[in-house]
N, C-alpha and C. Protein backbone atom coordinates (compact mmCIF):
# COMPACT_ATOMS: atom_id res chain seq x y z
N MET A 1 5.45 10.72 13.44
CA MET A 1 5.07 10.52 12.05
C MET A 1 5.39 9.09 11.65
N ALA A 2 4.44 8.45 11.03
CA ALA A 2 4.62 7.08 10.56
C ALA A 2 5.52 7.08 9.33
N ASP A 3 6.26 6.01 9.18
CA ASP A 3 7.06 5.87 7.96
C ASP A 3 6.99 4.42 7.48
N LEU A 4 7.52 4.22 6.29
CA LEU A 4 7.43 2.89 5.69
C LEU A 4 8.21 1.82 6.46
N SER A 5 9.23 2.21 7.21
CA SER A 5 10.02 1.20 7.92
C SER A 5 9.18 0.47 8.97
N SER A 6 8.27 1.18 9.64
CA SER A 6 7.41 0.51 10.62
C SER A 6 6.44 -0.45 9.93
N LEU A 7 6.06 -0.13 8.72
CA LEU A 7 5.19 -1.01 7.95
C LEU A 7 5.97 -2.19 7.39
N ILE A 8 7.18 -1.95 6.93
CA ILE A 8 8.02 -3.02 6.38
C ILE A 8 8.25 -4.10 7.42
N ASN A 9 8.40 -3.70 8.69
CA ASN A 9 8.64 -4.68 9.75
C ASN A 9 7.49 -5.66 9.94
N LEU A 10 6.30 -5.33 9.45
CA LEU A 10 5.15 -6.22 9.57
C LEU A 10 5.08 -7.28 8.47
N ILE A 11 5.84 -7.10 7.43
CA ILE A 11 5.75 -7.98 6.27
C ILE A 11 6.56 -9.25 6.52
N PRO A 12 5.94 -10.42 6.40
CA PRO A 12 6.66 -11.69 6.62
C PRO A 12 7.49 -12.08 5.40
N VAL A 13 8.59 -11.36 5.20
CA VAL A 13 9.43 -11.54 4.01
C VAL A 13 9.94 -12.96 3.89
N ASP A 14 10.36 -13.56 5.01
CA ASP A 14 10.88 -14.92 4.94
C ASP A 14 9.81 -15.91 4.47
N ASP A 15 8.58 -15.73 4.95
CA ASP A 15 7.49 -16.60 4.52
C ASP A 15 7.14 -16.37 3.04
N ILE A 16 7.19 -15.12 2.61
CA ILE A 16 6.93 -14.81 1.20
C ILE A 16 7.98 -15.48 0.32
N ALA A 17 9.24 -15.40 0.75
CA ALA A 17 10.32 -16.04 -0.02
C ALA A 17 10.08 -17.54 -0.16
N LYS A 18 9.69 -18.16 0.94
CA LYS A 18 9.44 -19.61 0.91
C LYS A 18 8.27 -19.94 -0.01
N GLN A 19 7.19 -19.16 0.10
CA GLN A 19 6.01 -19.41 -0.72
C GLN A 19 6.30 -19.24 -2.20
N LEU A 20 7.09 -18.24 -2.54
CA LEU A 20 7.39 -17.96 -3.95
C LEU A 20 8.58 -18.78 -4.47
N GLY A 21 9.30 -19.42 -3.56
CA GLY A 21 10.47 -20.20 -3.97
C GLY A 21 11.61 -19.34 -4.46
N VAL A 22 11.80 -18.18 -3.82
CA VAL A 22 12.88 -17.27 -4.20
C VAL A 22 13.74 -17.01 -2.97
N PRO A 23 14.98 -16.55 -3.18
CA PRO A 23 15.81 -16.17 -2.03
C PRO A 23 15.15 -15.04 -1.23
N GLU A 24 15.43 -15.02 0.07
CA GLU A 24 14.86 -13.99 0.92
C GLU A 24 15.26 -12.59 0.46
N SER A 25 16.46 -12.45 -0.09
CA SER A 25 16.90 -11.14 -0.58
C SER A 25 16.02 -10.65 -1.74
N VAL A 26 15.57 -11.55 -2.58
CA VAL A 26 14.70 -11.19 -3.70
C VAL A 26 13.32 -10.81 -3.17
N ALA A 27 12.79 -11.59 -2.23
CA ALA A 27 11.49 -11.26 -1.64
C ALA A 27 11.56 -9.91 -0.94
N ASP A 28 12.65 -9.66 -0.22
CA ASP A 28 12.82 -8.38 0.47
C ASP A 28 12.87 -7.23 -0.53
N ALA A 29 13.63 -7.40 -1.61
CA ALA A 29 13.71 -6.36 -2.63
C ALA A 29 12.34 -6.11 -3.27
N ALA A 30 11.57 -7.17 -3.49
CA ALA A 30 10.23 -7.01 -4.07
C ALA A 30 9.32 -6.24 -3.10
N VAL A 31 9.38 -6.58 -1.82
CA VAL A 31 8.57 -5.87 -0.82
C VAL A 31 8.99 -4.40 -0.76
N GLN A 32 10.30 -4.14 -0.85
CA GLN A 32 10.81 -2.76 -0.82
C GLN A 32 10.28 -1.95 -2.01
N GLN A 33 9.99 -2.60 -3.12
CA GLN A 33 9.42 -1.93 -4.29
C GLN A 33 7.90 -1.82 -4.18
N VAL A 34 7.27 -2.88 -3.71
CA VAL A 34 5.81 -2.94 -3.67
C VAL A 34 5.23 -1.91 -2.68
N LEU A 35 5.82 -1.81 -1.51
CA LEU A 35 5.23 -0.92 -0.49
C LEU A 35 5.10 0.53 -0.95
N PRO A 36 6.18 1.17 -1.41
CA PRO A 36 5.99 2.56 -1.85
C PRO A 36 5.09 2.66 -3.08
N GLY A 37 5.13 1.65 -3.95
CA GLY A 37 4.24 1.67 -5.12
C GLY A 37 2.78 1.60 -4.72
N LEU A 38 2.49 0.73 -3.77
CA LEU A 38 1.12 0.58 -3.30
C LEU A 38 0.65 1.83 -2.56
N VAL A 39 1.51 2.36 -1.71
CA VAL A 39 1.15 3.59 -0.97
C VAL A 39 0.98 4.75 -1.94
N SER A 40 1.83 4.81 -2.99
CA SER A 40 1.68 5.86 -4.00
C SER A 40 0.34 5.75 -4.72
N GLY A 41 -0.05 4.51 -5.05
CA GLY A 41 -1.35 4.30 -5.69
C GLY A 41 -2.49 4.70 -4.79
N LEU A 42 -2.40 4.35 -3.51
CA LEU A 42 -3.44 4.75 -2.55
C LEU A 42 -3.50 6.27 -2.42
N ALA A 43 -2.32 6.90 -2.38
CA ALA A 43 -2.26 8.35 -2.28
C ALA A 43 -2.87 9.01 -3.50
N SER A 44 -2.59 8.46 -4.67
CA SER A 44 -3.16 9.01 -5.90
C SER A 44 -4.68 8.90 -5.88
N ASN A 45 -5.17 7.72 -5.48
CA ASN A 45 -6.62 7.53 -5.42
C ASN A 45 -7.25 8.44 -4.38
N ALA A 46 -6.57 8.65 -3.26
CA ALA A 46 -7.12 9.47 -2.18
C ALA A 46 -7.03 10.96 -2.47
N SER A 47 -6.42 11.34 -3.58
CA SER A 47 -6.29 12.76 -3.91
C SER A 47 -7.60 13.37 -4.40
N THR A 48 -8.60 12.54 -4.68
CA THR A 48 -9.92 13.06 -5.04
C THR A 48 -10.88 12.78 -3.89
N ASP A 49 -11.95 13.54 -3.80
CA ASP A 49 -12.93 13.34 -2.73
C ASP A 49 -13.54 11.94 -2.80
N SER A 50 -13.91 11.50 -4.00
CA SER A 50 -14.53 10.18 -4.12
C SER A 50 -13.52 9.07 -3.81
N GLY A 51 -12.29 9.24 -4.25
CA GLY A 51 -11.25 8.26 -3.97
C GLY A 51 -10.93 8.18 -2.49
N SER A 52 -10.90 9.33 -1.84
CA SER A 52 -10.64 9.37 -0.40
C SER A 52 -11.77 8.69 0.37
N ALA A 53 -13.00 8.97 -0.04
CA ALA A 53 -14.16 8.34 0.62
C ALA A 53 -14.13 6.82 0.42
N SER A 54 -13.76 6.38 -0.77
CA SER A 54 -13.68 4.95 -1.06
C SER A 54 -12.58 4.30 -0.22
N LEU A 55 -11.45 4.97 -0.09
CA LEU A 55 -10.35 4.43 0.71
C LEU A 55 -10.74 4.38 2.19
N GLU A 56 -11.41 5.41 2.67
CA GLU A 56 -11.86 5.41 4.07
C GLU A 56 -12.80 4.23 4.34
N LYS A 57 -13.67 3.95 3.38
CA LYS A 57 -14.58 2.82 3.53
C LYS A 57 -13.80 1.51 3.59
N ALA A 58 -12.80 1.38 2.74
CA ALA A 58 -11.96 0.18 2.75
C ALA A 58 -11.18 0.07 4.07
N LEU A 59 -10.71 1.20 4.58
CA LEU A 59 -9.98 1.18 5.85
C LEU A 59 -10.90 0.74 7.00
N GLN A 60 -12.14 1.21 6.97
CA GLN A 60 -13.10 0.79 8.00
C GLN A 60 -13.30 -0.72 7.96
N LYS A 61 -13.35 -1.28 6.76
CA LYS A 61 -13.51 -2.72 6.60
C LYS A 61 -12.31 -3.48 7.16
N HIS A 62 -11.13 -2.92 7.03
CA HIS A 62 -9.90 -3.60 7.46
C HIS A 62 -9.49 -3.25 8.89
N ALA A 63 -10.16 -2.28 9.51
CA ALA A 63 -9.82 -1.91 10.89
C ALA A 63 -10.05 -3.11 11.81
N GLY A 64 -9.12 -3.35 12.68
CA GLY A 64 -9.26 -4.43 13.64
C GLY A 64 -9.10 -5.82 13.05
N SER A 65 -8.58 -5.92 11.81
CA SER A 65 -8.44 -7.24 11.19
C SER A 65 -7.33 -8.07 11.84
N GLY A 66 -6.49 -7.44 12.61
CA GLY A 66 -5.42 -8.16 13.27
C GLY A 66 -4.14 -8.24 12.47
N LEU A 67 -4.19 -7.93 11.19
CA LEU A 67 -2.99 -8.02 10.37
C LEU A 67 -1.93 -7.00 10.76
N ALA A 68 -2.34 -5.88 11.35
CA ALA A 68 -1.38 -4.83 11.70
C ALA A 68 -0.93 -4.95 13.15
N ASN A 69 -1.41 -5.96 13.86
CA ASN A 69 -1.02 -6.16 15.26
C ASN A 69 0.03 -7.24 15.34
N GLY A 70 1.25 -6.88 15.07
CA GLY A 70 2.31 -7.87 15.02
C GLY A 70 2.48 -8.39 13.61
N ARG A 71 3.45 -9.22 13.42
CA ARG A 71 3.77 -9.75 12.10
C ARG A 71 2.84 -10.91 11.77
N PRO A 72 2.00 -10.76 10.74
CA PRO A 72 1.04 -11.82 10.42
C PRO A 72 1.70 -13.02 9.75
N SER A 73 1.03 -14.12 9.85
CA SER A 73 1.43 -15.32 9.12
C SER A 73 0.76 -15.25 7.75
N LEU A 74 1.37 -15.86 6.76
CA LEU A 74 0.77 -15.85 5.43
C LEU A 74 -0.62 -16.49 5.43
N LYS A 75 -0.85 -17.46 6.31
CA LYS A 75 -2.17 -18.10 6.36
C LYS A 75 -3.25 -17.14 6.84
N ASP A 76 -2.86 -16.03 7.49
CA ASP A 76 -3.82 -15.04 7.96
C ASP A 76 -4.15 -13.99 6.90
N ILE A 77 -3.45 -14.04 5.78
CA ILE A 77 -3.62 -13.02 4.75
C ILE A 77 -4.54 -13.54 3.66
N ASP A 78 -5.59 -12.78 3.39
CA ASP A 78 -6.56 -13.12 2.35
C ASP A 78 -6.07 -12.53 1.02
N THR A 79 -5.38 -13.35 0.23
CA THR A 79 -4.84 -12.85 -1.03
C THR A 79 -5.91 -12.55 -2.06
N ASP A 80 -7.08 -13.18 -1.93
CA ASP A 80 -8.20 -12.81 -2.82
C ASP A 80 -8.61 -11.36 -2.55
N ASP A 81 -8.67 -11.01 -1.27
CA ASP A 81 -8.94 -9.62 -0.90
C ASP A 81 -7.80 -8.73 -1.40
N GLY A 82 -6.58 -9.23 -1.29
CA GLY A 82 -5.42 -8.48 -1.78
C GLY A 82 -5.51 -8.20 -3.27
N GLU A 83 -5.97 -9.20 -4.04
CA GLU A 83 -6.15 -8.99 -5.49
C GLU A 83 -7.18 -7.89 -5.76
N LYS A 84 -8.27 -7.89 -4.97
CA LYS A 84 -9.29 -6.85 -5.13
C LYS A 84 -8.73 -5.48 -4.81
N ILE A 85 -7.94 -5.41 -3.74
CA ILE A 85 -7.33 -4.13 -3.34
C ILE A 85 -6.42 -3.63 -4.46
N VAL A 86 -5.56 -4.51 -4.96
CA VAL A 86 -4.64 -4.13 -6.03
C VAL A 86 -5.42 -3.67 -7.26
N GLY A 87 -6.49 -4.37 -7.57
CA GLY A 87 -7.34 -3.99 -8.71
C GLY A 87 -7.96 -2.62 -8.52
N HIS A 88 -8.43 -2.33 -7.30
CA HIS A 88 -9.02 -1.01 -7.02
C HIS A 88 -7.97 0.09 -7.06
N VAL A 89 -6.79 -0.20 -6.55
CA VAL A 89 -5.75 0.82 -6.47
C VAL A 89 -5.19 1.15 -7.86
N PHE A 90 -4.87 0.12 -8.64
CA PHE A 90 -4.19 0.34 -9.91
C PHE A 90 -5.07 0.18 -11.14
N GLY A 91 -6.25 -0.42 -10.97
CA GLY A 91 -7.16 -0.59 -12.10
C GLY A 91 -6.52 -1.33 -13.26
N SER A 92 -6.77 -0.85 -14.44
CA SER A 92 -6.25 -1.51 -15.65
C SER A 92 -4.74 -1.32 -15.82
N ASP A 93 -4.13 -0.49 -14.97
CA ASP A 93 -2.69 -0.26 -15.04
C ASP A 93 -1.88 -1.24 -14.20
N LYS A 94 -2.53 -2.25 -13.64
CA LYS A 94 -1.88 -3.19 -12.73
C LYS A 94 -0.61 -3.80 -13.34
N ASP A 95 -0.68 -4.27 -14.56
CA ASP A 95 0.50 -4.87 -15.19
C ASP A 95 1.59 -3.85 -15.46
N LYS A 96 1.20 -2.65 -15.89
CA LYS A 96 2.18 -1.59 -16.14
C LYS A 96 2.88 -1.20 -14.85
N VAL A 97 2.13 -1.13 -13.75
CA VAL A 97 2.72 -0.79 -12.46
C VAL A 97 3.69 -1.87 -12.03
N ALA A 98 3.31 -3.14 -12.19
CA ALA A 98 4.20 -4.24 -11.82
C ALA A 98 5.49 -4.18 -12.64
N THR A 99 5.38 -3.88 -13.91
CA THR A 99 6.56 -3.75 -14.76
C THR A 99 7.44 -2.60 -14.30
N ALA A 100 6.81 -1.45 -13.99
CA ALA A 100 7.57 -0.29 -13.52
C ALA A 100 8.27 -0.57 -12.19
N LEU A 101 7.56 -1.23 -11.27
CA LEU A 101 8.15 -1.54 -9.97
C LEU A 101 9.31 -2.52 -10.12
N ALA A 102 9.16 -3.52 -10.96
CA ALA A 102 10.24 -4.48 -11.18
C ALA A 102 11.44 -3.80 -11.83
N GLY A 103 11.18 -2.92 -12.77
CA GLY A 103 12.25 -2.21 -13.46
C GLY A 103 12.98 -1.23 -12.59
N ASN A 104 12.33 -0.78 -11.50
CA ASN A 104 12.94 0.20 -10.60
C ASN A 104 13.78 -0.47 -9.52
N SER A 105 13.75 -1.78 -9.45
CA SER A 105 14.48 -2.51 -8.42
C SER A 105 15.94 -2.65 -8.80
N SER A 106 16.81 -2.48 -7.80
CA SER A 106 18.23 -2.67 -8.05
C SER A 106 18.59 -4.16 -8.05
N ALA A 107 17.68 -4.98 -7.50
CA ALA A 107 17.90 -6.44 -7.52
C ALA A 107 17.38 -6.98 -8.84
N GLY A 108 18.27 -7.46 -9.67
CA GLY A 108 17.91 -7.92 -11.01
C GLY A 108 16.95 -9.09 -11.02
N ASP A 109 16.85 -9.81 -9.89
CA ASP A 109 15.99 -10.99 -9.84
C ASP A 109 14.52 -10.65 -9.55
N VAL A 110 14.22 -9.38 -9.28
CA VAL A 110 12.84 -9.00 -9.01
C VAL A 110 12.15 -8.76 -10.35
N THR A 111 11.31 -9.72 -10.71
CA THR A 111 10.62 -9.66 -12.00
C THR A 111 9.20 -9.15 -11.83
N GLN A 112 8.57 -8.84 -12.93
CA GLN A 112 7.18 -8.42 -12.93
C GLN A 112 6.31 -9.51 -12.30
N ASP A 113 6.62 -10.76 -12.59
CA ASP A 113 5.85 -11.88 -12.04
C ASP A 113 5.94 -11.92 -10.52
N ILE A 114 7.13 -11.71 -9.97
CA ILE A 114 7.30 -11.70 -8.52
C ILE A 114 6.53 -10.53 -7.91
N ILE A 115 6.63 -9.37 -8.52
CA ILE A 115 5.89 -8.19 -8.02
C ILE A 115 4.39 -8.48 -8.01
N LYS A 116 3.89 -9.09 -9.09
CA LYS A 116 2.46 -9.40 -9.18
C LYS A 116 2.02 -10.41 -8.11
N LYS A 117 2.92 -11.27 -7.67
CA LYS A 117 2.60 -12.23 -6.62
C LYS A 117 2.70 -11.60 -5.22
N VAL A 118 3.59 -10.63 -5.07
CA VAL A 118 3.79 -9.99 -3.77
C VAL A 118 2.70 -8.95 -3.48
N LEU A 119 2.24 -8.25 -4.50
CA LEU A 119 1.24 -7.19 -4.29
C LEU A 119 0.01 -7.66 -3.50
N PRO A 120 -0.65 -8.77 -3.88
CA PRO A 120 -1.85 -9.17 -3.14
C PRO A 120 -1.56 -9.74 -1.75
N ILE A 121 -0.32 -10.07 -1.47
CA ILE A 121 0.05 -10.49 -0.13
C ILE A 121 0.22 -9.27 0.77
N VAL A 122 0.85 -8.26 0.23
CA VAL A 122 1.17 -7.06 1.01
C VAL A 122 -0.03 -6.11 1.16
N ALA A 123 -0.89 -6.04 0.15
CA ALA A 123 -1.99 -5.07 0.15
C ALA A 123 -2.90 -5.15 1.38
N PRO A 124 -3.36 -6.32 1.82
CA PRO A 124 -4.21 -6.36 3.02
C PRO A 124 -3.48 -5.91 4.29
N ILE A 125 -2.18 -6.19 4.36
CA ILE A 125 -1.40 -5.74 5.52
C ILE A 125 -1.32 -4.23 5.53
N VAL A 126 -1.10 -3.63 4.36
CA VAL A 126 -1.01 -2.17 4.25
C VAL A 126 -2.33 -1.53 4.67
N LEU A 127 -3.46 -2.07 4.18
CA LEU A 127 -4.75 -1.48 4.54
C LEU A 127 -5.04 -1.64 6.03
N ALA A 128 -4.72 -2.79 6.61
CA ALA A 128 -4.95 -2.99 8.04
C ALA A 128 -4.07 -2.03 8.85
N TRP A 129 -2.84 -1.85 8.43
CA TRP A 129 -1.92 -0.95 9.13
C TRP A 129 -2.40 0.49 9.02
N LEU A 130 -2.80 0.90 7.80
CA LEU A 130 -3.33 2.25 7.61
C LEU A 130 -4.59 2.47 8.43
N ALA A 131 -5.44 1.45 8.50
CA ALA A 131 -6.67 1.56 9.30
C ALA A 131 -6.33 1.80 10.75
N ASN A 132 -5.35 1.08 11.26
CA ASN A 132 -4.94 1.29 12.65
C ASN A 132 -4.37 2.68 12.87
N LYS A 133 -3.60 3.18 11.93
CA LYS A 133 -3.01 4.52 12.06
C LYS A 133 -4.07 5.61 11.88
N PHE A 134 -4.90 5.47 10.86
CA PHE A 134 -5.86 6.52 10.52
C PHE A 134 -7.09 6.50 11.42
N LEU A 135 -7.57 5.31 11.72
CA LEU A 135 -8.80 5.20 12.51
C LEU A 135 -8.52 4.89 13.97
N GLY A 136 -7.28 4.75 14.31
CA GLY A 136 -6.94 4.42 15.68
C GLY A 136 -7.15 2.94 15.96
N GLY A 137 -7.27 2.13 14.93
CA GLY A 137 -7.45 0.69 15.09
C GLY A 137 -8.71 0.34 15.82
N SER A 138 -9.79 1.04 15.49
CA SER A 138 -10.96 0.94 16.34
C SER A 138 -12.28 0.82 15.62
N SER A 139 -13.27 1.30 16.30
CA SER A 139 -14.66 1.11 15.90
C SER A 139 -15.17 2.11 14.88
N ASP A 140 -16.43 1.89 14.48
CA ASP A 140 -17.07 2.77 13.52
C ASP A 140 -17.22 4.19 14.04
N GLU A 141 -17.35 4.35 15.36
CA GLU A 141 -17.47 5.70 15.92
C GLU A 141 -16.26 6.53 15.56
N LYS A 142 -15.06 5.98 15.82
CA LYS A 142 -13.84 6.70 15.50
C LYS A 142 -13.72 6.90 14.00
N ALA A 143 -14.17 5.91 13.22
CA ALA A 143 -14.09 6.03 11.77
C ALA A 143 -14.91 7.21 11.29
N SER A 144 -16.11 7.36 11.80
CA SER A 144 -16.93 8.47 11.33
C SER A 144 -16.42 9.80 11.84
N SER A 145 -15.81 9.81 13.02
CA SER A 145 -15.29 11.08 13.51
C SER A 145 -14.03 11.48 12.76
N SER A 146 -13.29 10.50 12.21
CA SER A 146 -12.09 10.84 11.46
C SER A 146 -12.41 11.24 10.03
N SER A 147 -13.58 10.91 9.55
CA SER A 147 -13.92 11.23 8.16
C SER A 147 -13.83 12.71 7.88
N SER A 148 -14.31 13.53 8.79
CA SER A 148 -14.27 14.96 8.54
C SER A 148 -12.84 15.48 8.52
N SER A 149 -11.96 14.90 9.35
CA SER A 149 -10.59 15.38 9.35
C SER A 149 -9.84 14.93 8.11
N SER A 150 -10.27 13.83 7.49
CA SER A 150 -9.55 13.35 6.32
C SER A 150 -9.67 14.32 5.16
N SER A 151 -10.79 15.00 5.06
CA SER A 151 -10.94 15.95 3.97
C SER A 151 -10.03 17.15 4.18
N GLU A 152 -9.51 17.30 5.40
CA GLU A 152 -8.59 18.39 5.69
C GLU A 152 -7.14 17.91 5.61
N GLY A 153 -6.91 16.74 5.01
CA GLY A 153 -5.56 16.26 4.80
C GLY A 153 -5.15 15.12 5.70
N GLY A 154 -6.03 14.61 6.54
CA GLY A 154 -5.66 13.53 7.44
C GLY A 154 -5.18 12.30 6.71
N LEU A 155 -5.98 11.76 5.82
CA LEU A 155 -5.61 10.56 5.08
C LEU A 155 -4.50 10.88 4.08
N GLY A 156 -4.66 11.97 3.36
CA GLY A 156 -3.61 12.38 2.41
C GLY A 156 -2.31 12.70 3.13
N GLY A 157 -2.42 13.29 4.32
CA GLY A 157 -1.23 13.60 5.10
C GLY A 157 -0.53 12.35 5.58
N LEU A 158 -1.31 11.35 6.00
CA LEU A 158 -0.73 10.09 6.44
C LEU A 158 -0.02 9.40 5.29
N LEU A 159 -0.67 9.32 4.14
CA LEU A 159 -0.07 8.67 2.97
C LEU A 159 1.14 9.45 2.48
N GLY A 160 1.02 10.78 2.43
CA GLY A 160 2.14 11.62 2.02
C GLY A 160 3.32 11.50 2.97
N GLY A 161 3.02 11.40 4.26
CA GLY A 161 4.07 11.23 5.26
C GLY A 161 4.80 9.92 5.08
N LEU A 162 4.07 8.87 4.72
CA LEU A 162 4.71 7.58 4.47
C LEU A 162 5.68 7.66 3.30
N LEU A 163 5.33 8.49 2.35
CA LEU A 163 6.15 8.62 1.15
C LEU A 163 7.24 9.66 1.30
N GLY A 164 7.31 10.26 2.49
CA GLY A 164 8.35 11.23 2.75
C GLY A 164 7.99 12.63 2.33
N GLY A 165 6.72 12.84 1.95
CA GLY A 165 6.27 14.17 1.57
C GLY A 165 5.38 14.73 2.64
N GLY A 166 4.79 15.83 2.35
CA GLY A 166 3.85 16.45 3.27
C GLY A 166 2.47 15.94 2.99
N GLY A 167 1.50 16.82 3.07
CA GLY A 167 0.12 16.44 2.85
C GLY A 167 -0.25 16.29 1.40
N SER A 168 0.63 16.66 0.50
CA SER A 168 0.31 16.59 -0.92
C SER A 168 0.53 15.19 -1.44
N SER A 169 -0.54 14.40 -1.41
CA SER A 169 -0.39 13.00 -1.78
C SER A 169 -0.32 12.80 -3.29
N SER A 170 -0.79 13.72 -4.07
CA SER A 170 -0.86 13.46 -5.51
C SER A 170 0.50 13.53 -6.18
N SER A 171 1.46 14.24 -5.61
CA SER A 171 2.76 14.32 -6.26
C SER A 171 3.80 13.41 -5.63
N SER A 172 3.53 12.88 -4.45
CA SER A 172 4.53 12.10 -3.73
C SER A 172 4.98 10.87 -4.50
N GLY A 173 4.06 10.14 -5.10
CA GLY A 173 4.40 8.90 -5.78
C GLY A 173 5.35 9.12 -6.94
N GLY A 174 5.10 10.13 -7.73
CA GLY A 174 5.97 10.40 -8.86
C GLY A 174 7.37 10.75 -8.41
N ASP A 175 7.49 11.55 -7.33
CA ASP A 175 8.79 11.91 -6.80
C ASP A 175 9.49 10.68 -6.26
N LEU A 176 8.77 9.85 -5.52
CA LEU A 176 9.37 8.71 -4.85
C LEU A 176 9.96 7.72 -5.84
N LEU A 177 9.30 7.43 -6.87
CA LEU A 177 9.77 6.41 -7.81
C LEU A 177 10.33 7.01 -9.09
N GLY A 178 10.83 8.21 -8.97
CA GLY A 178 11.49 8.82 -10.11
C GLY A 178 10.60 9.01 -11.31
N GLY A 179 9.31 9.18 -11.09
CA GLY A 179 8.39 9.41 -12.19
C GLY A 179 7.86 8.15 -12.85
N LEU A 180 8.38 6.97 -12.44
CA LEU A 180 7.93 5.74 -13.08
C LEU A 180 6.44 5.53 -12.90
N LEU A 181 5.96 5.76 -11.68
CA LEU A 181 4.53 5.59 -11.43
C LEU A 181 3.75 6.87 -11.64
N GLY A 182 4.43 7.99 -11.63
CA GLY A 182 3.75 9.28 -11.74
C GLY A 182 2.84 9.37 -12.95
N GLY A 183 3.31 8.93 -14.08
CA GLY A 183 2.50 8.99 -15.30
C GLY A 183 1.31 8.04 -15.26
N LEU A 184 1.49 6.91 -14.58
CA LEU A 184 0.41 5.93 -14.50
C LEU A 184 -0.64 6.32 -13.48
N LEU A 185 -0.20 6.91 -12.37
CA LEU A 185 -1.11 7.15 -11.26
C LEU A 185 -1.43 8.62 -11.01
N GLY A 186 -0.74 9.50 -11.65
CA GLY A 186 -0.78 10.93 -11.35
C GLY A 186 -2.14 11.58 -11.32
N GLY A 187 -2.99 11.16 -10.40
CA GLY A 187 -4.27 11.81 -10.20
C GLY A 187 -5.29 11.55 -11.29
N ASN A 188 -5.04 10.60 -12.15
CA ASN A 188 -5.96 10.33 -13.24
C ASN A 188 -7.03 9.33 -12.88
N LYS A 189 -7.17 9.01 -11.64
CA LYS A 189 -8.15 8.02 -11.20
C LYS A 189 -9.49 8.65 -10.99
């Protein structure tokens, strides 16, 4: 079973810290908040048939991007694509989610602004990693063969497993972040 720690190891925290001009501990704390928040948002979106289909399409686009094969350099990350991903995942709640994630951090230096800068860096890595896990890091053939299994909990199960839950992706995010994101993302997409 995949977990967030294997995904966290792919994030170039030291490079993020340098780019943002913050201590590595602050960048690490921000990444520790962003990852479960982003996965919770993806899980919430994937809890509907249309959201799951949309996420599968995005995963197909990110399959084989190379971001999930070892630790990427920041120059390999398309933050414009990351902004689009964040916009699709959180919609008009993007600022509220950033505020909630910053407020949930035990590191007082993790601000909403830092979270908003980290989200588009981390989002493409998360999608590439999920594509490799869900689609086997492969071609369109595998993508189409996995589509039928996703409606039986494959994608929801993967996302729920990352969040420490079972296949029920719609409730995992609220449990994980103490309800902070639950009200914002709770299946209302």
